[in-house]
Structure formats: C-alpha cells, structure tokens
Amino acid sequence: MASHDPDCLFCKMVAGTIPVKRLHDDDQSLAFADVNPQAPTHLLIIPKQHVSSLSDAVTEDTPLLGHLMAVTTELARTHSLKNGYRIVINTGADSGQSVHHLHLHLLGGRHMTWPPG
C-alpha cells in the first residue's frame, strides 16, 4: 500500500498542492468541507496515508481507522450536531465512491431518511 499517490486528488490536498480549507489537521488525518454538500454540514475526513478504499484497509490500519472515527465524532461535536448525524464510507463503484482514497462523509444538520438510496 502506497503512503502517497501522486495522481490522487486527496493526496494532493494532503501535500498542499491543491489548496483546501482545513477544518481539522493532525499527523494522521485531514478534514474539510465537501464541495458538493448533501446536508447543511457535510465534511470529509481522510487519512493522510493513501488507502484506496475501506476494502483495501488491512489489519495494521486498525489504529488509523479508529482515529478517523474519533476525529469524525469530535467534528460532529464541534459542529453542534446534537440532534444526530450520519457517517458514510462509500466503498467501490457500486457504492458511488468517486475518489479512490478512503474518506468518511460526516452529514448532519437536517433530518435523514432511511434507506438512504
């Protein structure tokens, strides 16, 4: 697994070659607003290490995956999503994954329905 893919949009954001307003930035992860929001709050949380999708994660990635969930939960708190929120990880073409770099969608600020679609 590569730690960086020079052709990956999100890796370019991590590297700073594509500017992004960083809502969270630590040694393992980066968060920013989705450019096509599907809810009043729609953030993307990505690992700085390149992992193409959740299905490409390995056992050694377990601490990173836990860190991404903790960051997402903290962002939900700081964005006052007290009435609830949804975390989505699209994995593969059938799910609608369009950027092949693992990312979590944090959606909130409105009532969500089920099933999502």
PDB file of N, CA and C in Angstrom:
ATOM      1  N   MET A   1       0.855  -1.174   0.000  1.00  0.00           N
ATOM      2  CA  MET A   1       0.000   0.000   0.000  1.00  0.00           C
ATOM      3  C   MET A   1       0.899   1.235   0.000  1.00  0.00           C
ATOM      4  N   ALA A   2       0.636   2.142  -0.922  1.00  0.00           N
ATOM      5  CA  ALA A   2       1.431   3.363  -1.017  1.00  0.00           C
ATOM      6  C   ALA A   2       1.009   4.349   0.064  1.00  0.00           C
ATOM      7  N   SER A   3       1.962   5.099   0.577  1.00  0.00           N
ATOM      8  CA  SER A   3       1.611   6.106   1.562  1.00  0.00           C
ATOM      9  C   SER A   3       1.141   7.389   0.888  1.00  0.00           C
ATOM     10  N   HIS A   4       1.401   7.516  -0.420  1.00  0.00           N
ATOM     11  CA  HIS A   4       1.011   8.698  -1.181  1.00  0.00           C
ATOM     12  C   HIS A   4       0.866   8.293  -2.639  1.00  0.00           C
ATOM     13  N   ASP A   5      -0.189   8.740  -3.293  1.00  0.00           N
ATOM     14  CA  ASP A   5      -0.393   8.508  -4.719  1.00  0.00           C
ATOM     15  C   ASP A   5      -0.346   9.856  -5.412  1.00  0.00           C
ATOM     16  N   PRO A   6       0.666  10.105  -6.247  1.00  0.00           N
ATOM     17  CA  PRO A   6       0.824  11.424  -6.865  1.00  0.00           C
ATOM     18  C   PRO A   6      -0.331  11.822  -7.785  1.00  0.00           C
ATOM     19  N   ASP A   7      -1.165  10.863  -8.206  1.00  0.00           N
ATOM     20  CA  ASP A   7      -2.301  11.167  -9.074  1.00  0.00           C
ATOM     21  C   ASP A   7      -3.611  11.342  -8.306  1.00  0.00           C
ATOM     22  N   CYS A   8      -3.589  11.134  -7.006  1.00  0.00           N
ATOM     23  CA  CYS A   8      -4.805  11.156  -6.182  1.00  0.00           C
ATOM     24  C   CYS A   8      -5.153  12.586  -5.757  1.00  0.00           C
ATOM     25  N   LEU A   9      -6.401  12.977  -5.989  1.00  0.00           N
ATOM     26  CA  LEU A   9      -6.889  14.304  -5.610  1.00  0.00           C
ATOM     27  C   LEU A   9      -6.679  14.573  -4.123  1.00  0.00           C
ATOM     28  N   PHE A  10      -7.055  13.616  -3.268  1.00  0.00           N
ATOM     29  CA  PHE A  10      -6.942  13.834  -1.829  1.00  0.00           C
ATOM     30  C   PHE A  10      -5.487  13.835  -1.369  1.00  0.00           C
ATOM     31  N   CYS A  11      -4.633  13.039  -1.990  1.00  0.00           N
ATOM     32  CA  CYS A  11      -3.203  13.079  -1.653  1.00  0.00           C
ATOM     33  C   CYS A  11      -2.617  14.446  -1.999  1.00  0.00           C
ATOM     34  N   LYS A  12      -3.090  15.050  -3.078  1.00  0.00           N
ATOM     35  CA  LYS A  12      -2.636  16.391  -3.458  1.00  0.00           C
ATOM     36  C   LYS A  12      -3.088  17.416  -2.424  1.00  0.00           C
ATOM     37  N   MET A  13      -4.266  17.236  -1.856  1.00  0.00           N
ATOM     38  CA  MET A  13      -4.741  18.129  -0.790  1.00  0.00           C
ATOM     39  C   MET A  13      -3.883  17.961   0.453  1.00  0.00           C
ATOM     40  N   VAL A  14      -3.577  16.723   0.802  1.00  0.00           N
ATOM     41  CA  VAL A  14      -2.718  16.458   1.960  1.00  0.00           C
ATOM     42  C   VAL A  14      -1.365  17.128   1.759  1.00  0.00           C
ATOM     43  N   ALA A  15      -0.808  17.010   0.546  1.00  0.00           N
ATOM     44  CA  ALA A  15       0.509  17.568   0.244  1.00  0.00           C
ATOM     45  C   ALA A  15       0.495  19.089   0.136  1.00  0.00           C
ATOM     46  N   GLY A  16      -0.690  19.675  -0.032  1.00  0.00           N
ATOM     47  CA  GLY A  16      -0.781  21.124  -0.158  1.00  0.00           C
ATOM     48  C   GLY A  16      -0.686  21.622  -1.586  1.00  0.00           C
ATOM     49  N   THR A  17      -0.597  20.729  -2.576  1.00  0.00           N
ATOM     50  CA  THR A  17      -0.531  21.173  -3.963  1.00  0.00           C
ATOM     51  C   THR A  17      -1.896  21.595  -4.486  1.00  0.00           C
ATOM     52  N   ILE A  18      -2.968  21.102  -3.849  1.00  0.00           N
ATOM     53  CA  ILE A  18      -4.321  21.605  -4.088  1.00  0.00           C
ATOM     54  C   ILE A  18      -4.783  22.208  -2.764  1.00  0.00           C
ATOM     55  N   PRO A  19      -5.046  23.519  -2.763  1.00  0.00           N
ATOM     56  CA  PRO A  19      -5.436  24.163  -1.502  1.00  0.00           C
ATOM     57  C   PRO A  19      -6.826  23.723  -1.042  1.00  0.00           C
ATOM     58  N   VAL A  20      -6.958  23.625   0.270  1.00  0.00           N
ATOM     59  CA  VAL A  20      -8.231  23.259   0.876  1.00  0.00           C
ATOM     60  C   VAL A  20      -8.287  23.921   2.255  1.00  0.00           C
ATOM     61  N   LYS A  21      -9.477  24.378   2.637  1.00  0.00           N
ATOM     62  CA  LYS A  21      -9.649  24.942   3.979  1.00  0.00           C
ATOM     63  C   LYS A  21      -9.699  23.777   4.963  1.00  0.00           C
ATOM     64  N   ARG A  22      -8.667  23.677   5.777  1.00  0.00           N
ATOM     65  CA  ARG A  22      -8.525  22.563   6.707  1.00  0.00           C
ATOM     66  C   ARG A  22      -9.338  22.825   7.976  1.00  0.00           C
ATOM     67  N   LEU A  23     -10.352  21.991   8.188  1.00  0.00           N
ATOM     68  CA  LEU A  23     -11.177  22.103   9.388  1.00  0.00           C
ATOM     69  C   LEU A  23     -10.605  21.271  10.527  1.00  0.00           C
ATOM     70  N   HIS A  24      -9.774  20.325  10.173  1.00  0.00           N
ATOM     71  CA  HIS A  24      -9.038  19.503  11.137  1.00  0.00           C
ATOM     72  C   HIS A  24      -7.782  19.045  10.413  1.00  0.00           C
ATOM     73  N   ASP A  25      -6.664  19.056  11.134  1.00  0.00           N
ATOM     74  CA  ASP A  25      -5.391  18.646  10.535  1.00  0.00           C
ATOM     75  C   ASP A  25      -4.501  18.139  11.655  1.00  0.00           C
ATOM     76  N   ASP A  26      -4.175  16.848  11.603  1.00  0.00           N
ATOM     77  CA  ASP A  26      -3.224  16.293  12.552  1.00  0.00           C
ATOM     78  C   ASP A  26      -2.262  15.388  11.788  1.00  0.00           C
ATOM     79  N   ASP A  27      -1.435  14.657  12.480  1.00  0.00           N
ATOM     80  CA  ASP A  27      -0.416  13.858  11.795  1.00  0.00           C
ATOM     81  C   ASP A  27      -0.989  12.696  10.992  1.00  0.00           C
ATOM     82  N   GLN A  28      -2.241  12.290  11.255  1.00  0.00           N
ATOM     83  CA  GLN A  28      -2.831  11.138  10.565  1.00  0.00           C
ATOM     84  C   GLN A  28      -4.005  11.472   9.660  1.00  0.00           C
ATOM     85  N   SER A  29      -4.629  12.631   9.863  1.00  0.00           N
ATOM     86  CA  SER A  29      -5.881  12.890   9.153  1.00  0.00           C
ATOM     87  C   SER A  29      -6.062  14.362   8.812  1.00  0.00           C
ATOM     88  N   LEU A  30      -6.972  14.574   7.879  1.00  0.00           N
ATOM     89  CA  LEU A  30      -7.323  15.905   7.402  1.00  0.00           C
ATOM     90  C   LEU A  30      -8.830  15.928   7.185  1.00  0.00           C
ATOM     91  N   ALA A  31      -9.477  17.037   7.518  1.00  0.00           N
ATOM     92  CA  ALA A  31     -10.913  17.183   7.287  1.00  0.00           C
ATOM     93  C   ALA A  31     -11.184  18.518   6.623  1.00  0.00           C
ATOM     94  N   PHE A  32     -12.175  18.513   5.747  1.00  0.00           N
ATOM     95  CA  PHE A  32     -12.556  19.716   5.012  1.00  0.00           C
ATOM     96  C   PHE A  32     -14.002  19.561   4.553  1.00  0.00           C
ATOM     97  N   ALA A  33     -14.609  20.657   4.124  1.00  0.00           N
ATOM     98  CA  ALA A  33     -15.994  20.632   3.664  1.00  0.00           C
ATOM     99  C   ALA A  33     -16.084  19.977   2.293  1.00  0.00           C
ATOM    100  N   ASP A  34     -17.146  19.217   2.076  1.00  0.00           N
ATOM    101  CA  ASP A  34     -17.395  18.609   0.773  1.00  0.00           C
ATOM    102  C   ASP A  34     -17.769  19.717  -0.216  1.00  0.00           C
ATOM    103  N   VAL A  35     -17.252  19.650  -1.444  1.00  0.00           N
ATOM    104  CA  VAL A  35     -17.544  20.672  -2.449  1.00  0.00           C
ATOM    105  C   VAL A  35     -18.959  20.534  -3.008  1.00  0.00           C
ATOM    106  N   ASN A  36     -19.606  19.398  -2.775  1.00  0.00           N
ATOM    107  CA  ASN A  36     -20.972  19.168  -3.233  1.00  0.00           C
ATOM    108  C   ASN A  36     -21.807  18.685  -2.049  1.00  0.00           C
ATOM    109  N   PRO A  37     -22.093  19.586  -1.098  1.00  0.00           N
ATOM    110  CA  PRO A  37     -22.731  19.159   0.156  1.00  0.00           C
ATOM    111  C   PRO A  37     -24.127  18.585  -0.049  1.00  0.00           C
ATOM    112  N   GLN A  38     -24.399  17.512   0.691  1.00  0.00           N
ATOM    113  CA  GLN A  38     -25.689  16.841   0.661  1.00  0.00           C
ATOM    114  C   GLN A  38     -26.495  17.095   1.937  1.00  0.00           C
ATOM    115  N   ALA A  39     -25.965  17.924   2.820  1.00  0.00           N
ATOM    116  CA  ALA A  39     -26.623  18.297   4.073  1.00  0.00           C
ATOM    117  C   ALA A  39     -26.019  19.631   4.501  1.00  0.00           C
ATOM    118  N   PRO A  40     -26.678  20.349   5.416  1.00  0.00           N
ATOM    119  CA  PRO A  40     -26.110  21.611   5.877  1.00  0.00           C
ATOM    120  C   PRO A  40     -24.673  21.479   6.392  1.00  0.00           C
ATOM    121  N   THR A  41     -24.378  20.375   7.067  1.00  0.00           N
ATOM    122  CA  THR A  41     -22.995  20.043   7.429  1.00  0.00           C
ATOM    123  C   THR A  41     -22.620  18.805   6.642  1.00  0.00           C
ATOM    124  N   HIS A  42     -21.598  18.920   5.810  1.00  0.00           N
ATOM    125  CA  HIS A  42     -21.111  17.776   5.037  1.00  0.00           C
ATOM    126  C   HIS A  42     -19.595  17.914   4.942  1.00  0.00           C
ATOM    127  N   LEU A  43     -18.918  17.165   5.794  1.00  0.00           N
ATOM    128  CA  LEU A  43     -17.461  17.207   5.866  1.00  0.00           C
ATOM    129  C   LEU A  43     -16.887  15.887   5.374  1.00  0.00           C
ATOM    130  N   LEU A  44     -15.670  15.954   4.875  1.00  0.00           N
ATOM    131  CA  LEU A  44     -14.922  14.757   4.504  1.00  0.00           C
ATOM    132  C   LEU A  44     -13.742  14.630   5.445  1.00  0.00           C
ATOM    133  N   ILE A  45     -13.522  13.432   5.949  1.00  0.00           N
ATOM    134  CA  ILE A  45     -12.397  13.141   6.839  1.00  0.00           C
ATOM    135  C   ILE A  45     -11.575  12.070   6.128  1.00  0.00           C
ATOM    136  N   ILE A  46     -10.298  12.373   5.893  1.00  0.00           N
ATOM    137  CA  ILE A  46      -9.457  11.457   5.134  1.00  0.00           C
ATOM    138  C   ILE A  46      -8.186  11.130   5.916  1.00  0.00           C
ATOM    139  N   PRO A  47      -7.655   9.936   5.689  1.00  0.00           N
ATOM    140  CA  PRO A  47      -6.335   9.651   6.247  1.00  0.00           C
ATOM    141  C   PRO A  47      -5.280  10.331   5.381  1.00  0.00           C
ATOM    142  N   LYS A  48      -4.199  10.758   5.984  1.00  0.00           N
ATOM    143  CA  LYS A  48      -3.107  11.340   5.201  1.00  0.00           C
ATOM    144  C   LYS A  48      -2.366  10.265   4.425  1.00  0.00           C
ATOM    145  N   GLN A  49      -2.378   9.061   4.922  1.00  0.00           N
ATOM    146  CA  GLN A  49      -1.809   7.912   4.222  1.00  0.00           C
ATOM    147  C   GLN A  49      -2.794   7.494   3.132  1.00  0.00           C
ATOM    148  N   HIS A  50      -2.304   7.177   1.956  1.00  0.00           N
ATOM    149  CA  HIS A  50      -3.194   6.758   0.877  1.00  0.00           C
ATOM    150  C   HIS A  50      -3.659   5.314   1.097  1.00  0.00           C
ATOM    151  N   VAL A  51      -4.963   5.176   1.263  1.00  0.00           N
ATOM    152  CA  VAL A  51      -5.642   3.887   1.285  1.00  0.00           C
ATOM    153  C   VAL A  51      -6.772   4.055   0.275  1.00  0.00           C
ATOM    154  N   SER A  52      -6.803   3.243  -0.769  1.00  0.00           N
ATOM    155  CA  SER A  52      -7.749   3.458  -1.867  1.00  0.00           C
ATOM    156  C   SER A  52      -9.211   3.368  -1.433  1.00  0.00           C
ATOM    157  N   SER A  53      -9.529   2.421  -0.568  1.00  0.00           N
ATOM    158  CA  SER A  53     -10.903   2.265  -0.094  1.00  0.00           C
ATOM    159  C   SER A  53     -10.887   1.449   1.185  1.00  0.00           C
ATOM    160  N   LEU A  54     -12.024   1.375   1.834  1.00  0.00           N
ATOM    161  CA  LEU A  54     -12.104   0.587   3.062  1.00  0.00           C
ATOM    162  C   LEU A  54     -11.770  -0.874   2.785  1.00  0.00           C
ATOM    163  N   SER A  55     -12.124  -1.362   1.612  1.00  0.00           N
ATOM    164  CA  SER A  55     -11.832  -2.767   1.291  1.00  0.00           C
ATOM    165  C   SER A  55     -10.337  -3.016   1.103  1.00  0.00           C
ATOM    166  N   ASP A  56      -9.545  -1.963   0.943  1.00  0.00           N
ATOM    167  CA  ASP A  56      -8.095  -2.103   0.832  1.00  0.00           C
ATOM    168  C   ASP A  56      -7.380  -1.948   2.174  1.00  0.00           C
ATOM    169  N   ALA A  57      -8.117  -1.606   3.221  1.00  0.00           N
ATOM    170  CA  ALA A  57      -7.512  -1.484   4.548  1.00  0.00           C
ATOM    171  C   ALA A  57      -7.112  -2.874   5.044  1.00  0.00           C
ATOM    172  N   VAL A  58      -6.030  -2.908   5.792  1.00  0.00           N
ATOM    173  CA  VAL A  58      -5.520  -4.162   6.347  1.00  0.00           C
ATOM    174  C   VAL A  58      -5.531  -4.061   7.872  1.00  0.00           C
ATOM    175  N   THR A  59      -5.277  -5.178   8.522  1.00  0.00           N
ATOM    176  CA  THR A  59      -5.304  -5.227   9.982  1.00  0.00           C
ATOM    177  C   THR A  59      -4.430  -4.139  10.594  1.00  0.00           C
ATOM    178  N   GLU A  60      -3.286  -3.866   9.994  1.00  0.00           N
ATOM    179  CA  GLU A  60      -2.376  -2.848  10.524  1.00  0.00           C
ATOM    180  C   GLU A  60      -2.979  -1.445  10.469  1.00  0.00           C
ATOM    181  N   ASP A  61      -4.045  -1.259   9.687  1.00  0.00           N
ATOM    182  CA  ASP A  61      -4.711   0.041   9.588  1.00  0.00           C
ATOM    183  C   ASP A  61      -5.740   0.266  10.695  1.00  0.00           C
ATOM    184  N   THR A  62      -5.955  -0.722  11.553  1.00  0.00           N
ATOM    185  CA  THR A  62      -6.974  -0.607  12.593  1.00  0.00           C
ATOM    186  C   THR A  62      -6.812   0.651  13.447  1.00  0.00           C
ATOM    187  N   PRO A  63      -5.620   0.991  13.940  1.00  0.00           N
ATOM    188  CA  PRO A  63      -5.499   2.228  14.715  1.00  0.00           C
ATOM    189  C   PRO A  63      -5.856   3.475  13.896  1.00  0.00           C
ATOM    190  N   LEU A  64      -5.500   3.500  12.628  1.00  0.00           N
ATOM    191  CA  LEU A  64      -5.843   4.630  11.762  1.00  0.00           C
ATOM    192  C   LEU A  64      -7.355   4.728  11.585  1.00  0.00           C
ATOM    193  N   LEU A  65      -8.018   3.614  11.357  1.00  0.00           N
ATOM    194  CA  LEU A  65      -9.470   3.620  11.189  1.00  0.00           C
ATOM    195  C   LEU A  65     -10.160   4.113  12.459  1.00  0.00           C
ATOM    196  N   GLY A  66      -9.682   3.671  13.609  1.00  0.00           N
ATOM    197  CA  GLY A  66     -10.233   4.155  14.879  1.00  0.00           C
ATOM    198  C   GLY A  66     -10.012   5.647  15.047  1.00  0.00           C
ATOM    199  N   HIS A  67      -8.841   6.120  14.653  1.00  0.00           N
ATOM    200  CA  HIS A  67      -8.533   7.554  14.736  1.00  0.00           C
ATOM    201  C   HIS A  67      -9.494   8.356  13.856  1.00  0.00           C
ATOM    202  N   LEU A  68      -9.764   7.867  12.642  1.00  0.00           N
ATOM    203  CA  LEU A  68     -10.685   8.577  11.750  1.00  0.00           C
ATOM    204  C   LEU A  68     -12.076   8.675  12.362  1.00  0.00           C
ATOM    205  N   MET A  69     -12.527   7.606  13.024  1.00  0.00           N
ATOM    206  CA  MET A  69     -13.839   7.644  13.675  1.00  0.00           C
ATOM    207  C   MET A  69     -13.839   8.634  14.841  1.00  0.00           C
ATOM    208  N   ALA A  70     -12.762   8.668  15.617  1.00  0.00           N
ATOM    209  CA  ALA A  70     -12.674   9.599  16.745  1.00  0.00           C
ATOM    210  C   ALA A  70     -12.671  11.047  16.248  1.00  0.00           C
ATOM    211  N   VAL A  71     -11.940  11.321  15.189  1.00  0.00           N
ATOM    212  CA  VAL A  71     -11.910  12.673  14.611  1.00  0.00           C
ATOM    213  C   VAL A  71     -13.303  13.059  14.117  1.00  0.00           C
ATOM    214  N   THR A  72     -13.982  12.123  13.463  1.00  0.00           N
ATOM    215  CA  THR A  72     -15.322  12.392  12.952  1.00  0.00           C
ATOM    216  C   THR A  72     -16.278  12.722  14.091  1.00  0.00           C
ATOM    217  N   THR A  73     -16.200  11.971  15.163  1.00  0.00           N
ATOM    218  CA  THR A  73     -17.057  12.226  16.327  1.00  0.00           C
ATOM    219  C   THR A  73     -16.767  13.601  16.928  1.00  0.00           C
ATOM    220  N   GLU A  74     -15.501  13.965  17.029  1.00  0.00           N
ATOM    221  CA  GLU A  74     -15.143  15.278  17.563  1.00  0.00           C
ATOM    222  C   GLU A  74     -15.639  16.393  16.646  1.00  0.00           C
ATOM    223  N   LEU A  75     -15.529  16.210  15.347  1.00  0.00           N
ATOM    224  CA  LEU A  75     -16.044  17.214  14.410  1.00  0.00           C
ATOM    225  C   LEU A  75     -17.561  17.355  14.538  1.00  0.00           C
ATOM    226  N   ALA A  76     -18.267  16.258  14.768  1.00  0.00           N
ATOM    227  CA  ALA A  76     -19.718  16.334  14.982  1.00  0.00           C
ATOM    228  C   ALA A  76     -20.021  17.178  16.210  1.00  0.00           C
ATOM    229  N   ARG A  77     -19.223  17.017  17.263  1.00  0.00           N
ATOM    230  CA  ARG A  77     -19.409  17.832  18.474  1.00  0.00           C
ATOM    231  C   ARG A  77     -19.145  19.304  18.184  1.00  0.00           C
ATOM    232  N   THR A  78     -18.021  19.589  17.535  1.00  0.00           N
ATOM    233  CA  THR A  78     -17.647  20.993  17.298  1.00  0.00           C
ATOM    234  C   THR A  78     -18.570  21.673  16.293  1.00  0.00           C
ATOM    235  N   HIS A  79     -19.278  20.901  15.491  1.00  0.00           N
ATOM    236  CA  HIS A  79     -20.241  21.478  14.551  1.00  0.00           C
ATOM    237  C   HIS A  79     -21.669  21.400  15.093  1.00  0.00           C
ATOM    238  N   SER A  80     -21.789  21.128  16.393  1.00  0.00           N
ATOM    239  CA  SER A  80     -23.069  21.150  17.116  1.00  0.00           C
ATOM    240  C   SER A  80     -24.139  20.263  16.489  1.00  0.00           C
ATOM    241  N   LEU A  81     -23.753  19.073  16.095  1.00  0.00           N
ATOM    242  CA  LEU A  81     -24.720  18.137  15.522  1.00  0.00           C
ATOM    243  C   LEU A  81     -25.371  17.325  16.634  1.00  0.00           C
ATOM    244  N   LYS A  82     -26.009  18.030  17.566  1.00  0.00           N
ATOM    245  CA  LYS A  82     -26.571  17.426  18.773  1.00  0.00           C
ATOM    246  C   LYS A  82     -27.775  16.536  18.492  1.00  0.00           C
ATOM    247  N   ASN A  83     -28.499  16.800  17.412  1.00  0.00           N
ATOM    248  CA  ASN A  83     -29.685  16.001  17.089  1.00  0.00           C
ATOM    249  C   ASN A  83     -29.368  14.762  16.289  1.00  0.00           C
ATOM    250  N   GLY A  84     -28.101  14.555  15.986  1.00  0.00           N
ATOM    251  CA  GLY A  84     -27.697  13.360  15.255  1.00  0.00           C
ATOM    252  C   GLY A  84     -26.944  13.685  13.984  1.00  0.00           C
ATOM    253  N   TYR A  85     -26.327  12.669  13.461  1.00  0.00           N
ATOM    254  CA  TYR A  85     -25.541  12.805  12.232  1.00  0.00           C
ATOM    255  C   TYR A  85     -25.359  11.432  11.627  1.00  0.00           C
ATOM    256  N   ARG A  86     -24.905  11.421  10.398  1.00  0.00           N
ATOM    257  CA  ARG A  86     -24.651  10.177   9.690  1.00  0.00           C
ATOM    258  C   ARG A  86     -23.196  10.170   9.236  1.00  0.00           C
ATOM    259  N   ILE A  87     -22.561   9.004   9.359  1.00  0.00           N
ATOM    260  CA  ILE A  87     -21.210   8.790   8.848  1.00  0.00           C
ATOM    261  C   ILE A  87     -21.338   7.782   7.717  1.00  0.00           C
ATOM    262  N   VAL A  88     -20.805   8.128   6.553  1.00  0.00           N
ATOM    263  CA  VAL A  88     -20.899   7.266   5.379  1.00  0.00           C
ATOM    264  C   VAL A  88     -19.492   7.007   4.850  1.00  0.00           C
ATOM    265  N   ILE A  89     -19.224   5.749   4.517  1.00  0.00           N
ATOM    266  CA  ILE A  89     -17.992   5.378   3.813  1.00  0.00           C
ATOM    267  C   ILE A  89     -18.426   4.624   2.562  1.00  0.00           C
ATOM    268  N   ASN A  90     -18.283   5.253   1.418  1.00  0.00           N
ATOM    269  CA  ASN A  90     -18.568   4.586   0.150  1.00  0.00           C
ATOM    270  C   ASN A  90     -17.350   3.757  -0.236  1.00  0.00           C
ATOM    271  N   THR A  91     -17.592   2.516  -0.629  1.00  0.00           N
ATOM    272  CA  THR A  91     -16.500   1.598  -0.959  1.00  0.00           C
ATOM    273  C   THR A  91     -16.787   0.940  -2.299  1.00  0.00           C
ATOM    274  N   GLY A  92     -16.040   1.333  -3.313  1.00  0.00           N
ATOM    275  CA  GLY A  92     -16.175   0.743  -4.634  1.00  0.00           C
ATOM    276  C   GLY A  92     -17.186   1.444  -5.516  1.00  0.00           C
ATOM    277  N   ALA A  93     -17.189   1.049  -6.784  1.00  0.00           N
ATOM    278  CA  ALA A  93     -18.011   1.704  -7.805  1.00  0.00           C
ATOM    279  C   ALA A  93     -19.505   1.629  -7.510  1.00  0.00           C
ATOM    280  N   ASP A  94     -20.000   0.476  -7.076  1.00  0.00           N
ATOM    281  CA  ASP A  94     -21.441   0.339  -6.835  1.00  0.00           C
ATOM    282  C   ASP A  94     -21.931   1.228  -5.706  1.00  0.00           C
ATOM    283  N   SER A  95     -21.044   1.628  -4.808  1.00  0.00           N
ATOM    284  CA  SER A  95     -21.447   2.479  -3.685  1.00  0.00           C
ATOM    285  C   SER A  95     -21.447   3.955  -4.060  1.00  0.00           C
ATOM    286  N   GLY A  96     -20.818   4.281  -5.174  1.00  0.00           N
ATOM    287  CA  GLY A  96     -20.711   5.682  -5.571  1.00  0.00           C
ATOM    288  C   GLY A  96     -19.382   6.308  -5.197  1.00  0.00           C
ATOM    289  N   GLN A  97     -18.401   5.506  -4.790  1.00  0.00           N
ATOM    290  CA  GLN A  97     -17.092   6.069  -4.460  1.00  0.00           C
ATOM    291  C   GLN A  97     -16.492   6.666  -5.724  1.00  0.00           C
ATOM    292  N   SER A  98     -16.246   7.982  -5.707  1.00  0.00           N
ATOM    293  CA  SER A  98     -15.729   8.658  -6.899  1.00  0.00           C
ATOM    294  C   SER A  98     -14.263   9.057  -6.766  1.00  0.00           C
ATOM    295  N   VAL A  99     -13.783   9.202  -5.540  1.00  0.00           N
ATOM    296  CA  VAL A  99     -12.364   9.467  -5.306  1.00  0.00           C
ATOM    297  C   VAL A  99     -11.806   8.223  -4.619  1.00  0.00           C
ATOM    298  N   HIS A 100     -10.815   7.623  -5.225  1.00  0.00           N
ATOM    299  CA  HIS A 100     -10.284   6.359  -4.709  1.00  0.00           C
ATOM    300  C   HIS A 100      -9.188   6.607  -3.682  1.00  0.00           C
ATOM    301  N   HIS A 101      -9.636   7.209  -2.588  1.00  0.00           N
ATOM    302  CA  HIS A 101      -8.844   7.460  -1.378  1.00  0.00           C
ATOM    303  C   HIS A 101      -9.877   7.372  -0.270  1.00  0.00           C
ATOM    304  N   LEU A 102      -9.671   6.483   0.674  1.00  0.00           N
ATOM    305  CA  LEU A 102     -10.620   6.297   1.768  1.00  0.00           C
ATOM    306  C   LEU A 102     -11.034   7.639   2.347  1.00  0.00           C
ATOM    307  N   HIS A 103     -12.330   7.838   2.530  1.00  0.00           N
ATOM    308  CA  HIS A 103     -12.818   9.054   3.163  1.00  0.00           C
ATOM    309  C   HIS A 103     -14.163   8.794   3.829  1.00  0.00           C
ATOM    310  N   LEU A 104     -14.366   9.463   4.932  1.00  0.00           N
ATOM    311  CA  LEU A 104     -15.615   9.390   5.676  1.00  0.00           C
ATOM    312  C   LEU A 104     -16.393  10.659   5.413  1.00  0.00           C
ATOM    313  N   HIS A 105     -17.683  10.505   5.135  1.00  0.00           N
ATOM    314  CA  HIS A 105     -18.576  11.648   4.999  1.00  0.00           C
ATOM    315  C   HIS A 105     -19.264  11.843   6.343  1.00  0.00           C
ATOM    316  N   LEU A 106     -19.214  13.034   6.881  1.00  0.00           N
ATOM    317  CA  LEU A 106     -19.974  13.400   8.075  1.00  0.00           C
ATOM    318  C   LEU A 106     -21.099  14.310   7.598  1.00  0.00           C
ATOM    319  N   LEU A 107     -22.334  13.835   7.748  1.00  0.00           N
ATOM    320  CA  LEU A 107     -23.509  14.577   7.293  1.00  0.00           C
ATOM    321  C   LEU A 107     -24.412  14.869   8.483  1.00  0.00           C
ATOM    322  N   GLY A 108     -24.894  16.099   8.566  1.00  0.00           N
ATOM    323  CA  GLY A 108     -25.805  16.456   9.650  1.00  0.00           C
ATOM    324  C   GLY A 108     -26.440  17.801   9.407  1.00  0.00           C
ATOM    325  N   GLY A 109     -27.258  18.190  10.374  1.00  0.00           N
ATOM    326  CA  GLY A 109     -27.924  19.483  10.295  1.00  0.00           C
ATOM    327  C   GLY A 109     -29.302  19.421   9.657  1.00  0.00           C
ATOM    328  N   ARG A 110     -29.768  18.222   9.349  1.00  0.00           N
ATOM    329  CA  ARG A 110     -31.122  18.025   8.821  1.00  0.00           C
ATOM    330  C   ARG A 110     -31.564  16.607   9.160  1.00  0.00           C
ATOM    331  N   HIS A 111     -32.875  16.371   9.051  1.00  0.00           N
ATOM    332  CA  HIS A 111     -33.410  15.030   9.270  1.00  0.00           C
ATOM    333  C   HIS A 111     -32.991  14.130   8.108  1.00  0.00           C
ATOM    334  N   MET A 112     -32.509  12.939   8.419  1.00  0.00           N
ATOM    335  CA  MET A 112     -32.101  11.971   7.416  1.00  0.00           C
ATOM    336  C   MET A 112     -33.178  10.891   7.305  1.00  0.00           C
ATOM    337  N   THR A 113     -33.362  10.355   6.130  1.00  0.00           N
ATOM    338  CA  THR A 113     -34.338   9.278   5.944  1.00  0.00           C
ATOM    339  C   THR A 113     -33.608   7.963   5.712  1.00  0.00           C
ATOM    340  N   TRP A 114     -34.371   6.870   5.785  1.00  0.00           N
ATOM    341  CA  TRP A 114     -33.810   5.548   5.565  1.00  0.00           C
ATOM    342  C   TRP A 114     -34.783   4.760   4.700  1.00  0.00           C
ATOM    343  N   PRO A 115     -34.371   4.028   3.728  1.00  0.00           N
ATOM    344  CA  PRO A 115     -32.978   3.835   3.346  1.00  0.00           C
ATOM    345  C   PRO A 115     -32.432   5.046   2.607  1.00  0.00           C
ATOM    346  N   PRO A 116     -31.097   5.189   2.612  1.00  0.00           N
ATOM    347  CA  PRO A 116     -30.507   6.393   2.042  1.00  0.00           C
ATOM    348  C   PRO A 116     -30.566   6.452   0.521  1.00  0.00           C
ATOM    349  N   GLY A 117     -30.689   5.333  -0.193  1.00  0.00           N
ATOM    350  CA  GLY A 117     -30.795   5.420  -1.644  1.00  0.00           C
ATOM    351  C   GLY A 117     -30.001   4.397  -2.374  1.00  0.00           C
TER     352      GLY A 117
END
